[in-house]
Amino acid sequence: MRTNFGAKPMMYPMPVLIIGTYDENGKPDAMNAAWGGISGDTEIAICLTPSHKTVKNFLKTKAFTVSMATAKQENACDYVGIASGNTTENKIEKAGWHAKKSEFVNAPVFDELPMTLECEVTSFEGELLRGKIVNVSADESILTDGKIDVAKLEPITYDPVNHHYYKLGEIAGQAFSDGNALK
């Protein structure tokens, strides 16, 4: 028997994305967003309410970064989601993060978040941000044989039903291979 929940924003895993921008004075800002994902080879799409300071920032700079929230930075990642950039001074400092400018776009890369997509705004309509991924950068600490290692990254996912964060990282199988057993 199945239980019906109606139309709800429920999907697993739901990424925890940290959106980084600069304001008009070059001050870094960040917010936590869960409704987003890859929508093309070099495109990301994220649903954001226009009232966010982050939205105001990327509409001016035409750039943003998207970092994967990690288990090690869970408290700070949650903090930047519950503290508004419109009303909170020194939000990045309070999170304990250090920002440096991306080499590719006019947006911050946070040292404490080891994987970042560096993006240019391609459109923002209604509440849907679309961005062109210009570069993906990763700290060497999360690499194995030159590739991003999910177990080292320890990204977290959001549970929209129970409001928990879960750590990802355990291998469940081999993509493009395990299904061959059914051929």
Foldseek 3Di string as FASTA:
>chain_A
DDDDDPDDPFDPQFFWKWKWFAAPVRDIAIATFGAKDADDPFKIKGFAACVAPSNVRCVVFQWIKIFFAAPVLVVLSVQSHVDGPVPDPPSCVVSVWDWDADPFGRTTDTPVGFKMFIWGFPDADRRMTMTGGPDIGGDPQQDDPRDGQLQRNQGWGAGPPVGDIDTDHDDPDDPPPPCVVVD
